Amino acid sequence: MLTAQVLYGLTACVIVALGLRGALLHASLLQRVVAINVMGAGVFMLLIAVAYRGPGLPPDPLPHALVLTGIVVAVSATALALALARRLHAEQDND
């Protein structure tokens, strides 16, 4: 029987696989950054699926804390990657 936890876990694996495919196949830096963010969203979803303990029980707080921290780090890393991509694009235009 397919439970919600297994369904969320499998969906997370599919999202990670789609993000990995995009990161490996696209040549554009912007598309790669977006694909890496999609992979991160899949990992976050997998952590949330792992946190589920069962009906009537509270979820495990550690994966939730990791997801919140990961979201902050992902936003910062995305901003840095976009700034570096912008600078690289400007340097290529000057040459």
C-alpha atoms as a PDB file:
ATOM      1  CA  MET A   1       0.000   0.000   0.000  1.00  0.00           C
ATOM      2  CA  LEU A   2       1.306   3.418  -0.974  1.00  0.00           C
ATOM      3  CA  THR A   3       1.342   5.665   2.071  1.00  0.00           C
ATOM      4  CA  ALA A   4       1.657   9.439   1.976  1.00  0.00           C
ATOM      5  CA  GLN A   5       5.197   9.232   3.326  1.00  0.00           C
ATOM      6  CA  VAL A   6       6.305   6.877   0.539  1.00  0.00           C
ATOM      7  CA  LEU A   7       4.523   8.996  -2.068  1.00  0.00           C
ATOM      8  CA  TYR A   8       6.274  12.150  -0.847  1.00  0.00           C
ATOM      9  CA  GLY A   9       9.597  10.329  -0.780  1.00  0.00           C
ATOM     10  CA  LEU A  10       9.221   9.030  -4.326  1.00  0.00           C
ATOM     11  CA  THR A  11       8.083  12.440  -5.560  1.00  0.00           C
ATOM     12  CA  ALA A  12      11.134  13.993  -3.912  1.00  0.00           C
ATOM     13  CA  CYS A  13      13.403  11.498  -5.686  1.00  0.00           C
ATOM     14  CA  VAL A  14      11.800  12.361  -9.026  1.00  0.00           C
ATOM     15  CA  ILE A  15      12.281  16.095  -8.365  1.00  0.00           C
ATOM     16  CA  VAL A  16      15.943  15.533  -7.476  1.00  0.00           C
ATOM     17  CA  ALA A  17      16.417  13.461 -10.645  1.00  0.00           C
ATOM     18  CA  LEU A  18      14.811  16.180 -12.798  1.00  0.00           C
ATOM     19  CA  GLY A  19      17.036  18.820 -11.209  1.00  0.00           C
ATOM     20  CA  LEU A  20      20.141  16.698 -11.758  1.00  0.00           C
ATOM     21  CA  ARG A  21      19.181  16.139 -15.379  1.00  0.00           C
ATOM     22  CA  GLY A  22      18.740  19.871 -15.882  1.00  0.00           C
ATOM     23  CA  ALA A  23      22.025  20.692 -14.167  1.00  0.00           C
ATOM     24  CA  LEU A  24      23.927  18.238 -16.357  1.00  0.00           C
ATOM     25  CA  LEU A  25      22.272  18.902 -19.713  1.00  0.00           C
ATOM     26  CA  HIS A  26      21.722  22.663 -19.889  1.00  0.00           C
ATOM     27  CA  ALA A  27      24.501  24.923 -21.105  1.00  0.00           C
ATOM     28  CA  SER A  28      23.098  28.194 -19.761  1.00  0.00           C
ATOM     29  CA  LEU A  29      24.305  29.184 -16.309  1.00  0.00           C
ATOM     30  CA  LEU A  30      20.887  30.528 -15.336  1.00  0.00           C
ATOM     31  CA  GLN A  31      19.218  27.249 -16.246  1.00  0.00           C
ATOM     32  CA  ARG A  32      21.822  25.346 -14.233  1.00  0.00           C
ATOM     33  CA  VAL A  33      21.250  27.529 -11.174  1.00  0.00           C
ATOM     34  CA  VAL A  34      17.491  26.951 -11.447  1.00  0.00           C
ATOM     35  CA  ALA A  35      18.051  23.194 -11.869  1.00  0.00           C
ATOM     36  CA  ILE A  36      20.226  23.093  -8.756  1.00  0.00           C
ATOM     37  CA  ASN A  37      17.482  24.936  -6.856  1.00  0.00           C
ATOM     38  CA  VAL A  38      14.977  22.324  -8.058  1.00  0.00           C
ATOM     39  CA  MET A  39      17.294  19.607  -6.744  1.00  0.00           C
ATOM     40  CA  GLY A  40      17.451  21.390  -3.404  1.00  0.00           C
ATOM     41  CA  ALA A  41      13.663  21.536  -3.239  1.00  0.00           C
ATOM     42  CA  GLY A  42      13.567  17.779  -3.793  1.00  0.00           C
ATOM     43  CA  VAL A  43      16.033  17.217  -0.963  1.00  0.00           C
ATOM     44  CA  PHE A  44      13.973  19.446   1.322  1.00  0.00           C
ATOM     45  CA  MET A  45      10.847  17.473   0.448  1.00  0.00           C
ATOM     46  CA  LEU A  46      12.657  14.210   1.171  1.00  0.00           C
ATOM     47  CA  LEU A  47      13.751  15.482   4.575  1.00  0.00           C
ATOM     48  CA  ILE A  48      10.176  16.484   5.391  1.00  0.00           C
ATOM     49  CA  ALA A  49       8.973  13.016   4.346  1.00  0.00           C
ATOM     50  CA  VAL A  50      11.575  11.428   6.616  1.00  0.00           C
ATOM     51  CA  ALA A  51      10.424  13.569   9.563  1.00  0.00           C
ATOM     52  CA  TYR A  52       6.965  11.956   9.596  1.00  0.00           C
ATOM     53  CA  ARG A  53       6.648   9.489  12.480  1.00  0.00           C
ATOM     54  CA  GLY A  54       3.095   8.262  12.046  1.00  0.00           C
ATOM     55  CA  PRO A  55      -0.504   9.237  12.650  1.00  0.00           C
ATOM     56  CA  GLY A  56      -1.066  11.034  15.940  1.00  0.00           C
ATOM     57  CA  LEU A  57       2.647  11.519  16.626  1.00  0.00           C
ATOM     58  CA  PRO A  58       4.457  14.830  16.226  1.00  0.00           C
ATOM     59  CA  PRO A  59       7.030  14.983  13.415  1.00  0.00           C
ATOM     60  CA  ASP A  60      10.732  14.824  14.179  1.00  0.00           C
ATOM     61  CA  PRO A  61      11.922  18.427  14.675  1.00  0.00           C
ATOM     62  CA  LEU A  62      15.520  17.874  13.523  1.00  0.00           C
ATOM     63  CA  PRO A  63      14.747  17.442   9.789  1.00  0.00           C
ATOM     64  CA  HIS A  64      12.464  20.478   9.967  1.00  0.00           C
ATOM     65  CA  ALA A  65      15.298  22.551  11.444  1.00  0.00           C
ATOM     66  CA  LEU A  66      17.632  21.269   8.729  1.00  0.00           C
ATOM     67  CA  VAL A  67      15.144  22.247   6.029  1.00  0.00           C
ATOM     68  CA  LEU A  68      14.735  25.766   7.431  1.00  0.00           C
ATOM     69  CA  THR A  69      18.502  26.202   7.609  1.00  0.00           C
ATOM     70  CA  GLY A  70      18.862  24.746   4.117  1.00  0.00           C
ATOM     71  CA  ILE A  71      16.355  27.215   2.686  1.00  0.00           C
ATOM     72  CA  VAL A  72      18.358  30.134   4.070  1.00  0.00           C
ATOM     73  CA  VAL A  73      21.606  28.700   2.712  1.00  0.00           C
ATOM     74  CA  ALA A  74      19.989  27.961  -0.672  1.00  0.00           C
ATOM     75  CA  VAL A  75      18.748  31.540  -1.040  1.00  0.00           C
ATOM     76  CA  SER A  76      22.211  32.887  -0.204  1.00  0.00           C
ATOM     77  CA  ALA A  77      23.968  30.461  -2.531  1.00  0.00           C
ATOM     78  CA  THR A  78      21.533  31.280  -5.346  1.00  0.00           C
ATOM     79  CA  ALA A  79      22.173  34.998  -4.929  1.00  0.00           C
ATOM     80  CA  LEU A  80      25.937  34.389  -5.019  1.00  0.00           C
ATOM     81  CA  ALA A  81      25.663  32.126  -8.080  1.00  0.00           C
ATOM     82  CA  LEU A  82      23.540  34.667  -9.958  1.00  0.00           C
ATOM     83  CA  ALA A  83      25.952  37.491  -9.088  1.00  0.00           C
ATOM     84  CA  LEU A  84      28.912  35.422 -10.290  1.00  0.00           C
ATOM     85  CA  ALA A  85      27.079  34.445 -13.476  1.00  0.00           C
ATOM     86  CA  ARG A  86      26.259  38.097 -14.128  1.00  0.00           C
ATOM     87  CA  ARG A  87      29.892  39.100 -13.642  1.00  0.00           C
ATOM     88  CA  LEU A  88      31.083  36.256 -15.891  1.00  0.00           C
ATOM     89  CA  HIS A  89      28.616  37.330 -18.570  1.00  0.00           C
ATOM     90  CA  ALA A  90      29.851  40.938 -18.328  1.00  0.00           C
ATOM     91  CA  GLU A  91      33.483  39.803 -18.585  1.00  0.00           C
ATOM     92  CA  GLN A  92      32.707  37.743 -21.685  1.00  0.00           C
ATOM     93  CA  ASP A  93      31.024  40.737 -23.304  1.00  0.00           C
ATOM     94  CA  ASN A  94      34.100  42.915 -22.714  1.00  0.00           C
ATOM     95  CA  ASP A  95      36.453  40.441 -24.431  1.00  0.00           C
END
